[in-house]
Amino acid sequence: MIDGQSSRRTRVLQPDDLDRQIIRLLRADGRRSNREIARRLDVPEATVRYRVRRLIESGILKITASVDPEHLGYALTAVISVQVEPERINDAAAEVSDMPEVMWSAITAGAHDVMVMASFRNQDEMFNFLTNRLARIPGTLRTETSVALRVLKKQHEWATDLTSKVEEGAAETVAID
């Protein structure tokens, strides 16, 4: 091993047409069986089983269950930006990410250092989160909260098919004088 990395080379998996078809079917219904996928695509079930395992192991595909917080009584969704002392960004981001109300978090570049999406049952719960927990994380300088009044789109996947190939030569090269 060199610098904590494996000496074995990892090959990046490039999904082919069959992989993309399998992914599309699983995106529509993640509980769909290998047998049903094989039947729909007219390939052996063992092929589908192998392809799904390979896609999961490569990190391209992740099959999970999504829970809608609103159906569990979490009426408020907030997007919270946090400004943190530069030397404490990683620790603060890790601490806020561990909070159960937080559905999504990221370290960002720009005016704010950490962006968070969180859900709350009511205003009191959100107020407590902001003032008694988030604001007390060491290094927190400032927070800015936007409450979602109406959620227009809830999608746990990209709208485009990220598995499709970028066509070679599709971009034009423009010479600048």
C-alpha atoms as a PDB file:
ATOM      1  CA  MET A   1       0.000   0.000   0.000  1.00  0.00           C
ATOM      2  CA  ILE A   2       1.091   3.536  -0.761  1.00  0.00           C
ATOM      3  CA  ASP A   3      -0.256   6.392   1.382  1.00  0.00           C
ATOM      4  CA  GLY A   4      -3.145   4.237   2.644  1.00  0.00           C
ATOM      5  CA  GLN A   5      -4.349   3.373  -0.855  1.00  0.00           C
ATOM      6  CA  SER A   6      -4.635  -0.108  -2.269  1.00  0.00           C
ATOM      7  CA  SER A   7      -1.937  -1.034  -4.760  1.00  0.00           C
ATOM      8  CA  ARG A   8      -4.596  -2.805  -6.861  1.00  0.00           C
ATOM      9  CA  ARG A   9      -5.996  -0.607  -9.620  1.00  0.00           C
ATOM     10  CA  THR A  10      -9.731   0.039  -9.615  1.00  0.00           C
ATOM     11  CA  ARG A  11     -11.398   0.162 -13.018  1.00  0.00           C
ATOM     12  CA  VAL A  12     -14.191   2.673 -13.477  1.00  0.00           C
ATOM     13  CA  LEU A  13     -17.316   0.931 -14.714  1.00  0.00           C
ATOM     14  CA  GLN A  14     -18.862   2.392 -17.859  1.00  0.00           C
ATOM     15  CA  PRO A  15     -22.511   1.275 -18.033  1.00  0.00           C
ATOM     16  CA  ASP A  16     -23.514  -0.188 -21.400  1.00  0.00           C
ATOM     17  CA  ASP A  17     -26.996  -0.235 -22.960  1.00  0.00           C
ATOM     18  CA  LEU A  18     -28.115  -3.295 -20.956  1.00  0.00           C
ATOM     19  CA  ASP A  19     -26.910  -1.696 -17.696  1.00  0.00           C
ATOM     20  CA  ARG A  20     -28.851   1.475 -18.545  1.00  0.00           C
ATOM     21  CA  GLN A  21     -32.013  -0.520 -19.260  1.00  0.00           C
ATOM     22  CA  ILE A  22     -31.679  -2.355 -15.929  1.00  0.00           C
ATOM     23  CA  ILE A  23     -31.142   0.958 -14.114  1.00  0.00           C
ATOM     24  CA  ARG A  24     -34.218   2.508 -15.788  1.00  0.00           C
ATOM     25  CA  LEU A  25     -36.400  -0.413 -14.672  1.00  0.00           C
ATOM     26  CA  LEU A  26     -35.052  -0.234 -11.106  1.00  0.00           C
ATOM     27  CA  ARG A  27     -35.534   3.541 -10.987  1.00  0.00           C
ATOM     28  CA  ALA A  28     -39.193   3.003 -11.806  1.00  0.00           C
ATOM     29  CA  ASP A  29     -39.520   0.293  -9.122  1.00  0.00           C
ATOM     30  CA  GLY A  30     -36.534  -0.586  -6.932  1.00  0.00           C
ATOM     31  CA  ARG A  31     -38.361  -3.694  -5.676  1.00  0.00           C
ATOM     32  CA  ARG A  32     -38.605  -5.187  -9.151  1.00  0.00           C
ATOM     33  CA  SER A  33     -37.177  -8.723  -9.153  1.00  0.00           C
ATOM     34  CA  ASN A  34     -34.235  -9.889 -11.249  1.00  0.00           C
ATOM     35  CA  ARG A  35     -36.603 -12.394 -12.844  1.00  0.00           C
ATOM     36  CA  GLU A  36     -39.025  -9.673 -13.959  1.00  0.00           C
ATOM     37  CA  ILE A  37     -36.188  -7.489 -15.285  1.00  0.00           C
ATOM     38  CA  ALA A  38     -34.763 -10.461 -17.199  1.00  0.00           C
ATOM     39  CA  ARG A  39     -38.169 -11.247 -18.683  1.00  0.00           C
ATOM     40  CA  ARG A  40     -38.738  -7.619 -19.763  1.00  0.00           C
ATOM     41  CA  LEU A  41     -35.282  -7.336 -21.318  1.00  0.00           C
ATOM     42  CA  ASP A  42     -35.250 -10.861 -22.750  1.00  0.00           C
ATOM     43  CA  VAL A  43     -31.953 -11.833 -21.107  1.00  0.00           C
ATOM     44  CA  PRO A  44     -31.069 -14.609 -18.632  1.00  0.00           C
ATOM     45  CA  GLU A  45     -31.859 -13.907 -14.990  1.00  0.00           C
ATOM     46  CA  ALA A  46     -28.229 -14.731 -14.066  1.00  0.00           C
ATOM     47  CA  THR A  47     -27.107 -11.894 -16.350  1.00  0.00           C
ATOM     48  CA  VAL A  48     -29.366  -9.414 -14.570  1.00  0.00           C
ATOM     49  CA  ARG A  49     -28.243 -10.671 -11.153  1.00  0.00           C
ATOM     50  CA  TYR A  50     -24.576 -10.255 -12.165  1.00  0.00           C
ATOM     51  CA  ARG A  51     -25.149  -6.809 -13.693  1.00  0.00           C
ATOM     52  CA  VAL A  52     -27.082  -5.479 -10.680  1.00  0.00           C
ATOM     53  CA  ARG A  53     -24.410  -6.750  -8.269  1.00  0.00           C
ATOM     54  CA  ARG A  54     -21.668  -5.201 -10.410  1.00  0.00           C
ATOM     55  CA  LEU A  55     -23.504  -1.845 -10.600  1.00  0.00           C
ATOM     56  CA  ILE A  56     -24.018  -1.800  -6.828  1.00  0.00           C
ATOM     57  CA  GLU A  57     -20.411  -2.784  -6.056  1.00  0.00           C
ATOM     58  CA  SER A  58     -19.101  -0.087  -8.421  1.00  0.00           C
ATOM     59  CA  GLY A  59     -21.133   2.563  -6.592  1.00  0.00           C
ATOM     60  CA  ILE A  60     -23.176   3.496  -9.680  1.00  0.00           C
ATOM     61  CA  LEU A  61     -26.387   1.990  -8.332  1.00  0.00           C
ATOM     62  CA  LYS A  62     -27.760   2.222  -4.819  1.00  0.00           C
ATOM     63  CA  ILE A  63     -31.158   0.753  -4.003  1.00  0.00           C
ATOM     64  CA  THR A  64     -32.779   2.379  -0.974  1.00  0.00           C
ATOM     65  CA  ALA A  65     -36.163   3.144   0.521  1.00  0.00           C
ATOM     66  CA  SER A  66     -37.296   6.783   0.555  1.00  0.00           C
ATOM     67  CA  VAL A  67     -39.392   8.103   3.395  1.00  0.00           C
ATOM     68  CA  ASP A  68     -41.493  11.225   2.923  1.00  0.00           C
ATOM     69  CA  PRO A  69     -41.117  13.259   6.155  1.00  0.00           C
ATOM     70  CA  GLU A  70     -44.434  15.036   5.554  1.00  0.00           C
ATOM     71  CA  HIS A  71     -46.336  11.737   5.852  1.00  0.00           C
ATOM     72  CA  LEU A  72     -44.727  11.231   9.268  1.00  0.00           C
ATOM     73  CA  GLY A  73     -45.877  14.596  10.621  1.00  0.00           C
ATOM     74  CA  TYR A  74     -42.856  16.718   9.679  1.00  0.00           C
ATOM     75  CA  ALA A  75     -44.756  19.712   8.281  1.00  0.00           C
ATOM     76  CA  LEU A  76     -41.802  22.101   7.899  1.00  0.00           C
ATOM     77  CA  THR A  77     -38.866  21.712   5.557  1.00  0.00           C
ATOM     78  CA  ALA A  78     -36.081  24.257   5.838  1.00  0.00           C
ATOM     79  CA  VAL A  79     -32.957  24.995   3.863  1.00  0.00           C
ATOM     80  CA  ILE A  80     -30.330  26.308   6.249  1.00  0.00           C
ATOM     81  CA  SER A  81     -27.017  27.849   5.276  1.00  0.00           C
ATOM     82  CA  VAL A  82     -24.311  27.984   7.914  1.00  0.00           C
ATOM     83  CA  GLN A  83     -21.227  30.163   8.030  1.00  0.00           C
ATOM     84  CA  VAL A  84     -18.429  28.531  10.035  1.00  0.00           C
ATOM     85  CA  GLU A  85     -14.923  29.486  11.141  1.00  0.00           C
ATOM     86  CA  PRO A  86     -12.665  28.148   8.352  1.00  0.00           C
ATOM     87  CA  GLU A  87     -10.639  25.813  10.552  1.00  0.00           C
ATOM     88  CA  ARG A  88     -13.807  24.205  11.935  1.00  0.00           C
ATOM     89  CA  ILE A  89     -15.781  23.570   8.741  1.00  0.00           C
ATOM     90  CA  ASN A  90     -15.183  19.799   8.593  1.00  0.00           C
ATOM     91  CA  ASP A  91     -16.015  19.213  12.262  1.00  0.00           C
ATOM     92  CA  ALA A  92     -19.089  21.462  12.186  1.00  0.00           C
ATOM     93  CA  ALA A  93     -20.373  19.839   8.987  1.00  0.00           C
ATOM     94  CA  ALA A  94     -19.910  16.368  10.462  1.00  0.00           C
ATOM     95  CA  GLU A  95     -21.724  17.329  13.659  1.00  0.00           C
ATOM     96  CA  VAL A  96     -24.702  18.882  11.890  1.00  0.00           C
ATOM     97  CA  SER A  97     -24.883  15.932   9.473  1.00  0.00           C
ATOM     98  CA  ASP A  98     -25.338  13.566  12.421  1.00  0.00           C
ATOM     99  CA  MET A  99     -28.468  15.380  13.629  1.00  0.00           C
ATOM    100  CA  PRO A 100     -31.617  13.315  12.979  1.00  0.00           C
ATOM    101  CA  GLU A 101     -33.603  16.241  11.523  1.00  0.00           C
ATOM    102  CA  VAL A 102     -31.043  16.709   8.760  1.00  0.00           C
ATOM    103  CA  MET A 103     -31.993  14.992   5.498  1.00  0.00           C
ATOM    104  CA  TRP A 104     -29.189  16.419   3.348  1.00  0.00           C
ATOM    105  CA  SER A 105     -26.005  18.348   4.005  1.00  0.00           C
ATOM    106  CA  ALA A 106     -22.981  19.525   2.061  1.00  0.00           C
ATOM    107  CA  ILE A 107     -19.852  21.583   2.501  1.00  0.00           C
ATOM    108  CA  THR A 108     -20.095  24.358  -0.065  1.00  0.00           C
ATOM    109  CA  ALA A 109     -18.049  27.134  -1.615  1.00  0.00           C
ATOM    110  CA  GLY A 110     -19.330  30.682  -1.628  1.00  0.00           C
ATOM    111  CA  ALA A 111     -21.011  32.878   0.955  1.00  0.00           C
ATOM    112  CA  HIS A 112     -21.884  29.922   3.187  1.00  0.00           C
ATOM    113  CA  ASP A 113     -19.797  26.968   4.243  1.00  0.00           C
ATOM    114  CA  VAL A 114     -22.404  24.310   4.997  1.00  0.00           C
ATOM    115  CA  MET A 115     -25.850  23.861   3.458  1.00  0.00           C
ATOM    116  CA  VAL A 116     -28.473  21.759   5.207  1.00  0.00           C
ATOM    117  CA  MET A 117     -31.982  20.575   4.437  1.00  0.00           C
ATOM    118  CA  ALA A 118     -33.925  19.572   7.525  1.00  0.00           C
ATOM    119  CA  SER A 119     -37.495  18.661   8.484  1.00  0.00           C
ATOM    120  CA  PHE A 120     -39.416  19.623  11.614  1.00  0.00           C
ATOM    121  CA  ARG A 121     -42.839  18.843  13.064  1.00  0.00           C
ATOM    122  CA  ASN A 122     -43.548  22.474  13.939  1.00  0.00           C
ATOM    123  CA  GLN A 123     -42.038  25.936  14.439  1.00  0.00           C
ATOM    124  CA  ASP A 124     -41.040  25.277  18.053  1.00  0.00           C
ATOM    125  CA  GLU A 125     -39.026  22.222  17.012  1.00  0.00           C
ATOM    126  CA  MET A 126     -37.298  24.223  14.277  1.00  0.00           C
ATOM    127  CA  PHE A 127     -36.606  27.112  16.670  1.00  0.00           C
ATOM    128  CA  ASN A 128     -35.051  24.731  19.200  1.00  0.00           C
ATOM    129  CA  PHE A 129     -32.902  23.143  16.487  1.00  0.00           C
ATOM    130  CA  LEU A 130     -31.643  26.521  15.247  1.00  0.00           C
ATOM    131  CA  THR A 131     -31.016  28.199  18.600  1.00  0.00           C
ATOM    132  CA  ASN A 132     -30.147  25.418  21.026  1.00  0.00           C
ATOM    133  CA  ARG A 133     -28.353  22.956  18.788  1.00  0.00           C
ATOM    134  CA  LEU A 134     -27.116  24.335  15.473  1.00  0.00           C
ATOM    135  CA  ALA A 135     -26.006  27.719  16.820  1.00  0.00           C
ATOM    136  CA  ARG A 136     -24.057  26.002  19.603  1.00  0.00           C
ATOM    137  CA  ILE A 137     -21.857  23.920  17.324  1.00  0.00           C
ATOM    138  CA  PRO A 138     -18.305  25.175  17.899  1.00  0.00           C
ATOM    139  CA  GLY A 139     -17.228  27.526  15.126  1.00  0.00           C
ATOM    140  CA  THR A 140     -20.732  28.467  13.957  1.00  0.00           C
ATOM    141  CA  LEU A 141     -20.736  32.170  13.086  1.00  0.00           C
ATOM    142  CA  ARG A 142     -24.084  32.697  11.392  1.00  0.00           C
ATOM    143  CA  THR A 143     -27.059  30.793  10.028  1.00  0.00           C
ATOM    144  CA  GLU A 144     -29.657  31.735   7.452  1.00  0.00           C
ATOM    145  CA  THR A 145     -32.892  29.776   7.217  1.00  0.00           C
ATOM    146  CA  SER A 146     -35.422  29.566   4.411  1.00  0.00           C
ATOM    147  CA  VAL A 147     -38.638  27.684   5.096  1.00  0.00           C
ATOM    148  CA  ALA A 148     -40.292  25.881   2.205  1.00  0.00           C
ATOM    149  CA  LEU A 149     -43.866  27.111   1.907  1.00  0.00           C
ATOM    150  CA  ARG A 150     -44.815  24.589  -0.753  1.00  0.00           C
ATOM    151  CA  VAL A 151     -42.630  21.786  -2.060  1.00  0.00           C
ATOM    152  CA  LEU A 152     -43.116  21.526  -5.811  1.00  0.00           C
ATOM    153  CA  LYS A 153     -40.850  18.599  -6.585  1.00  0.00           C
ATOM    154  CA  LYS A 154     -39.676  15.675  -4.478  1.00  0.00           C
ATOM    155  CA  GLN A 155     -37.362  13.534  -6.484  1.00  0.00           C
ATOM    156  CA  HIS A 156     -34.638  11.365  -5.050  1.00  0.00           C
ATOM    157  CA  GLU A 157     -32.902  10.888  -8.354  1.00  0.00           C
ATOM    158  CA  TRP A 158     -31.585  13.079 -11.123  1.00  0.00           C
ATOM    159  CA  ALA A 159     -34.127  14.127 -13.709  1.00  0.00           C
ATOM    160  CA  THR A 160     -31.750  13.143 -16.492  1.00  0.00           C
ATOM    161  CA  ASP A 161     -30.314   9.727 -17.119  1.00  0.00           C
ATOM    162  CA  LEU A 162     -26.761  10.105 -15.846  1.00  0.00           C
ATOM    163  CA  THR A 163     -25.864   6.692 -17.182  1.00  0.00           C
ATOM    164  CA  SER A 164     -26.178   7.774 -20.804  1.00  0.00           C
ATOM    165  CA  LYS A 165     -22.960   8.320 -22.671  1.00  0.00           C
ATOM    166  CA  VAL A 166     -21.821  11.745 -23.759  1.00  0.00           C
ATOM    167  CA  GLU A 167     -21.609  11.578 -27.519  1.00  0.00           C
ATOM    168  CA  GLU A 168     -18.049  11.897 -28.697  1.00  0.00           C
ATOM    169  CA  GLY A 169     -17.430  14.922 -30.852  1.00  0.00           C
ATOM    170  CA  ALA A 170     -20.759  16.512 -29.943  1.00  0.00           C
ATOM    171  CA  ALA A 171     -19.094  19.651 -28.633  1.00  0.00           C
ATOM    172  CA  GLU A 172     -17.766  22.093 -31.161  1.00  0.00           C
ATOM    173  CA  THR A 173     -14.331  23.578 -30.818  1.00  0.00           C
ATOM    174  CA  VAL A 174     -14.302  27.294 -31.456  1.00  0.00           C
ATOM    175  CA  ALA A 175     -11.047  29.082 -32.232  1.00  0.00           C
ATOM    176  CA  ILE A 176     -10.605  32.411 -30.480  1.00  0.00           C
ATOM    177  CA  ASP A 177      -8.346  34.956 -32.163  1.00  0.00           C
END
